[in-house]
Protein backbone atom coordinates (compact mmCIF):
# COMPACT_ATOMS: atom_id res chain seq x y z
CA MET A 1 -26.21 24.45 11.79
CA THR A 2 -23.04 24.32 13.95
CA ALA A 3 -19.42 23.49 12.07
CA SER A 4 -19.20 20.44 13.59
CA SER A 5 -21.99 19.38 11.28
CA SER A 6 -21.29 20.73 8.38
CA ASP A 7 -18.14 20.27 8.49
CA PRO A 8 -17.29 16.20 8.13
CA ALA A 9 -13.63 16.28 8.45
CA PRO A 10 -13.44 16.03 12.08
CA ALA A 11 -15.61 13.28 11.89
CA ARG A 12 -13.49 11.07 9.45
CA LEU A 13 -10.21 12.09 11.14
CA LEU A 14 -10.25 9.40 14.29
CA PRO A 15 -11.04 6.95 12.22
CA ALA A 16 -8.09 7.58 10.21
CA LEU A 17 -5.91 8.23 12.87
CA LEU A 18 -6.94 4.61 14.68
CA LEU A 19 -6.14 2.70 11.02
CA GLY A 20 -2.97 4.56 10.80
CA LEU A 21 -1.79 3.88 14.11
CA THR A 22 -2.77 0.36 13.63
CA ALA A 23 -1.28 -0.31 9.71
CA ALA A 24 1.95 1.57 11.65
CA ALA A 25 1.97 -0.70 14.74
CA PHE A 26 1.65 -3.87 11.77
CA PHE A 27 4.59 -2.51 9.63
CA SER A 28 6.76 -2.00 12.88
CA VAL A 29 6.25 -5.68 13.77
CA SER A 30 7.60 -6.42 10.55
CA PHE A 31 10.86 -5.46 11.07
CA VAL A 32 10.95 -7.25 13.93
CA LEU A 33 10.08 -10.10 12.53
CA ASN A 34 12.37 -9.78 9.67
CA ARG A 35 15.15 -9.44 11.87
CA GLN A 36 14.67 -12.40 13.31
CA MET A 37 14.36 -14.57 10.28
CA ALA A 38 17.35 -13.49 9.22
CA GLN A 39 19.22 -13.96 12.50
CA ALA A 40 17.28 -17.83 12.38
CA ASP A 41 19.52 -18.07 9.34
CA GLY A 42 16.38 -17.03 6.69
CA HIS A 43 17.58 -15.51 3.98
CA TRP A 44 15.37 -12.60 3.93
CA THR A 45 14.75 -12.90 -0.05
CA TRP A 46 11.99 -15.36 0.57
CA SER A 47 9.99 -12.37 2.61
CA ALA A 48 10.60 -9.73 -0.63
CA ALA A 49 9.75 -12.36 -2.89
CA LEU A 50 6.36 -13.90 -1.14
CA ARG A 51 5.38 -10.99 0.93
CA PHE A 52 3.08 -9.65 -2.25
CA LEU A 53 2.28 -12.41 -3.88
CA MET A 54 0.98 -13.77 -0.41
CA MET A 55 -1.43 -10.89 -0.66
CA ILE A 56 -2.61 -10.99 -4.31
CA PRO A 57 -5.30 -14.00 -3.30
CA VAL A 58 -6.41 -11.45 -0.12
CA LEU A 59 -7.18 -8.33 -2.36
CA ALA A 60 -8.64 -10.46 -4.88
CA LEU A 61 -10.85 -11.96 -2.50
CA VAL A 62 -11.90 -7.99 -1.53
CA VAL A 63 -12.38 -6.96 -5.14
CA ALA A 64 -14.77 -9.53 -6.02
CA LEU A 65 -16.85 -8.87 -2.50
CA ARG A 66 -17.13 -5.48 -4.05
CA GLY A 67 -18.09 -6.41 -7.17
CA GLN A 68 -14.98 -4.02 -8.57
CA GLY A 69 -13.55 -6.94 -10.47
CA ALA A 70 -14.76 -4.91 -13.97
CA ARG A 71 -13.18 -1.89 -12.63
CA LEU A 72 -9.89 -3.51 -12.60
CA LEU A 73 -9.25 -4.69 -15.73
CA GLU A 74 -10.31 -1.14 -17.43
CA MET A 75 -7.81 0.53 -14.59
CA TRP A 76 -4.87 -2.00 -15.68
CA LYS A 77 -5.61 -1.45 -19.49
CA ALA A 78 -5.63 2.21 -19.00
CA SER A 79 -1.94 1.77 -18.40
CA PRO A 80 -0.11 -1.37 -18.03
CA GLY A 81 2.78 -0.27 -18.49
CA GLY A 82 2.58 2.50 -16.31
CA TRP A 83 1.43 -0.08 -13.32
CA VAL A 84 4.55 -1.89 -14.02
CA VAL A 85 7.23 1.08 -13.34
CA TRP A 86 5.00 2.14 -10.83
CA GLY A 87 4.47 -1.09 -8.69
CA MET A 88 8.37 -1.77 -9.27
CA LEU A 89 9.25 1.35 -7.26
CA SER A 90 6.10 1.34 -4.50
CA CYS A 91 6.32 -2.58 -4.00
CA GLY A 92 9.26 -4.00 -5.31
CA LEU A 93 12.25 -1.51 -4.49
CA PHE A 94 10.12 -0.37 -1.34
CA TYR A 95 10.52 -4.00 0.29
CA ALA A 96 13.24 -5.39 -1.20
CA PRO A 97 15.60 -3.51 0.32
CA LEU A 98 13.68 -2.93 3.37
CA VAL A 99 13.96 -6.73 4.24
CA ALA A 100 17.39 -6.96 3.60
CA ALA A 101 18.65 -3.96 5.88
CA CYS A 102 17.00 -5.53 8.67
CA ALA A 103 19.60 -8.88 7.31
CA VAL A 104 22.35 -6.39 8.25
CA ALA A 105 21.42 -3.87 11.08
CA PRO A 106 19.49 -3.66 13.73
CA ALA A 107 15.31 -3.67 13.50
CA TRP A 108 14.95 -1.16 16.06
CA LEU A 109 17.47 1.93 13.78
CA VAL A 110 15.60 0.53 10.34
CA ALA A 111 11.88 1.16 11.84
CA ALA A 112 13.58 4.77 13.56
CA THR A 113 15.08 5.09 10.28
CA TRP A 114 12.16 4.47 8.35
CA PRO A 115 10.85 8.02 8.42
CA VAL A 116 12.63 9.65 5.90
CA SER A 117 10.32 8.11 3.52
CA ILE A 118 7.84 10.82 5.04
CA VAL A 119 10.83 13.76 4.12
CA ILE A 120 11.30 12.36 1.24
CA GLY A 121 7.86 12.57 0.18
CA ILE A 122 7.57 16.23 1.08
CA LEU A 123 10.79 17.05 -1.03
CA ILE A 124 9.72 15.14 -4.37
CA ALA A 125 6.53 17.14 -4.75
CA PRO A 126 8.40 19.92 -6.70
CA LEU A 127 9.37 17.29 -8.96
CA ILE A 128 6.11 15.18 -9.43
CA TYR A 129 3.79 18.31 -9.72
CA GLN A 130 2.98 20.82 -11.99
CA ASP A 131 0.19 22.78 -9.71
CA HIS A 132 -0.23 24.55 -6.52
CA ARG A 133 0.69 21.04 -4.49
CA ARG A 134 4.94 21.73 -5.78
CA THR A 135 4.75 23.85 -3.56
CA ILE A 136 6.30 23.13 0.06
CA PRO A 137 5.10 24.96 3.17
CA ARG A 138 7.53 25.78 5.41
CA SER A 139 5.86 24.19 8.63
CA ALA A 140 6.47 20.87 6.42
CA LEU A 141 10.14 21.61 6.40
CA LEU A 142 10.41 22.45 9.82
CA PHE A 143 9.16 18.89 10.46
CA SER A 144 11.55 17.79 7.93
CA THR A 145 13.77 19.03 9.61
CA LEU A 146 13.18 18.05 13.66
CA ILE A 147 12.68 13.91 12.04
CA ILE A 148 16.20 14.14 10.01
CA ALA A 149 17.55 15.66 13.10
CA GLY A 150 16.23 13.01 15.02
CA VAL A 151 17.54 10.14 12.21
CA LEU A 152 20.86 11.88 12.32
CA LEU A 153 21.20 11.41 16.02
CA LEU A 154 20.01 7.88 16.43
CA GLN A 155 23.07 7.25 13.18
CA ALA A 156 25.02 8.87 15.49
CA GLY A 157 25.16 6.62 18.73
CA GLU A 158 25.25 3.74 16.75
CA PHE A 159 27.69 3.76 14.60
CA SER A 160 30.37 5.22 17.23
CA ALA A 161 29.71 1.87 19.04
CA GLY A 162 28.72 -1.10 16.34
CA ASN A 163 29.95 -2.24 13.04
CA ARG A 164 29.82 0.40 11.26
CA ARG A 165 30.11 -1.10 7.35
CA ASP A 166 26.91 -3.34 8.25
CA LEU A 167 24.98 -0.08 9.31
CA LEU A 168 25.99 2.65 6.22
CA ILE A 169 24.97 -0.91 4.34
CA GLY A 170 22.12 -0.77 6.04
CA LEU A 171 21.23 3.45 6.08
CA VAL A 172 22.27 2.73 2.01
CA LEU A 173 19.39 0.45 1.73
CA VAL A 174 16.75 2.20 3.82
CA LEU A 175 17.51 5.26 2.11
CA VAL A 176 16.30 3.26 -1.43
CA SER A 177 13.46 1.96 -0.07
CA ALA A 178 12.37 5.42 0.83
CA ILE A 179 12.46 7.04 -2.30
CA ALA A 180 11.07 4.14 -4.15
CA HIS A 181 7.97 4.18 -2.10
CA PRO A 182 6.95 7.53 -2.26
CA VAL A 183 7.97 7.82 -5.80
CA GLY A 184 6.00 5.34 -6.56
CA ASN A 185 3.09 5.57 -4.46
CA ARG A 186 2.92 9.48 -6.24
CA GLY A 187 3.68 8.28 -10.04
CA SER A 188 0.17 6.01 -9.68
CA MET A 189 -1.59 8.52 -8.25
CA LEU A 190 -0.79 11.16 -11.11
CA LEU A 191 -1.65 7.81 -13.47
CA LEU A 192 -5.25 7.70 -12.09
CA GLU A 193 -5.54 11.49 -12.23
CA LYS A 194 -4.02 11.67 -15.70
CA ALA A 195 -6.26 8.28 -16.73
CA ARG A 196 -9.31 10.34 -14.89
CA LEU A 197 -10.26 7.37 -12.72
CA PRO A 198 -11.45 7.09 -9.23
CA ALA A 199 -8.58 7.27 -6.94
CA ASP A 200 -9.57 4.01 -5.04
CA PRO A 201 -7.09 2.82 -2.48
CA ILE A 202 -7.85 -0.78 -2.94
CA LEU A 203 -7.88 -0.98 -6.62
CA ARG A 204 -4.90 0.96 -7.09
CA LEU A 205 -2.81 -1.52 -4.57
CA CYS A 206 -4.12 -4.54 -5.96
CA LEU A 207 -2.74 -2.85 -9.48
CA LEU A 208 0.94 -1.90 -8.49
CA ILE A 209 0.65 -5.63 -6.76
CA PHE A 210 0.05 -6.93 -10.48
CA GLY A 211 2.51 -4.80 -11.96
CA ILE A 212 5.30 -6.94 -10.31
CA HIS A 213 3.40 -9.76 -10.81
CA PRO A 214 3.28 -11.53 -14.40
CA PRO A 215 3.57 -10.31 -16.68
CA GLY A 216 5.94 -7.27 -14.58
CA PRO A 217 9.55 -8.18 -14.91
CA LEU A 218 10.24 -8.23 -11.38
CA ALA A 219 8.06 -11.44 -10.74
CA TRP A 220 11.08 -13.29 -13.04
CA ILE A 221 13.84 -11.61 -10.20
CA GLY A 222 11.28 -12.70 -7.60
CA LEU A 223 11.59 -16.26 -8.87
CA LEU A 224 15.31 -16.26 -9.21
CA LEU A 225 15.85 -14.66 -5.92
CA ILE A 226 13.43 -17.46 -4.92
CA LEU A 227 15.51 -19.99 -6.44
CA GLY A 228 18.83 -19.28 -5.18
CA GLY A 229 17.75 -19.18 -2.04
CA PHE A 230 16.50 -22.36 -2.06
CA LEU A 231 20.22 -23.86 -3.00
CA LEU A 232 22.36 -21.48 -0.93
CA HIS A 233 20.02 -21.67 2.57
CA ALA A 234 18.00 -25.30 1.45
CA ARG A 235 20.73 -28.12 1.88
CA PRO A 236 20.42 -31.13 3.45
CA ARG A 237 23.14 -30.65 6.11
CA ARG A 238 25.78 -33.55 6.76
CA ARG A 239 24.90 -35.50 10.03
CA ALA A 240 27.61 -35.33 13.03
CA ASP A 241 29.20 -38.80 13.02
């Protein structure tokens, strides 16, 4: 038996890579779309509040087709408070600041700064894990240094030629998002480990999204943002005489 036939990892690598590239392409397009909405006087709160709400029926259909409704309920009951907390981080505080950043900074700059989340995901390992995963390999540190250097070069060039105030606000918002996303994701995976529940990515995503909707507190914040956006940006315009 050859090494390639005994080890299934290489066979799974290409499909995983293709899925990752496809997801990255769609996610990158969202930066441009959010920027276009902002330039067309569309408030960022609409996208921030409705993104995950619109995902609920799609994910509910997937769960129903897979026959995992009972498992989903079991996983929710294991830690409702945990899903609310990690959902607020990995979904709410991840996407809302990111969309707001696209409203004040160029979309390409927001997209180019977002890889900082990879670095943060590496650096938080010692703070989250208590086993061998808390050790950061030297290769990961080198990779992180290259990412930080690239982001700093992009930011320096734009700061010297653009609106520094808006760029600084956009940078801070991206950093908030880049911290919340990996912390929420790692926290939710640890929740499943401690409860000895299967690490199903679809079910985990469903639970994180449910956590920011009723009875999640961000649902009410989202409703207030939607109402505020409507009142501020949906007023009838006066006709010109």
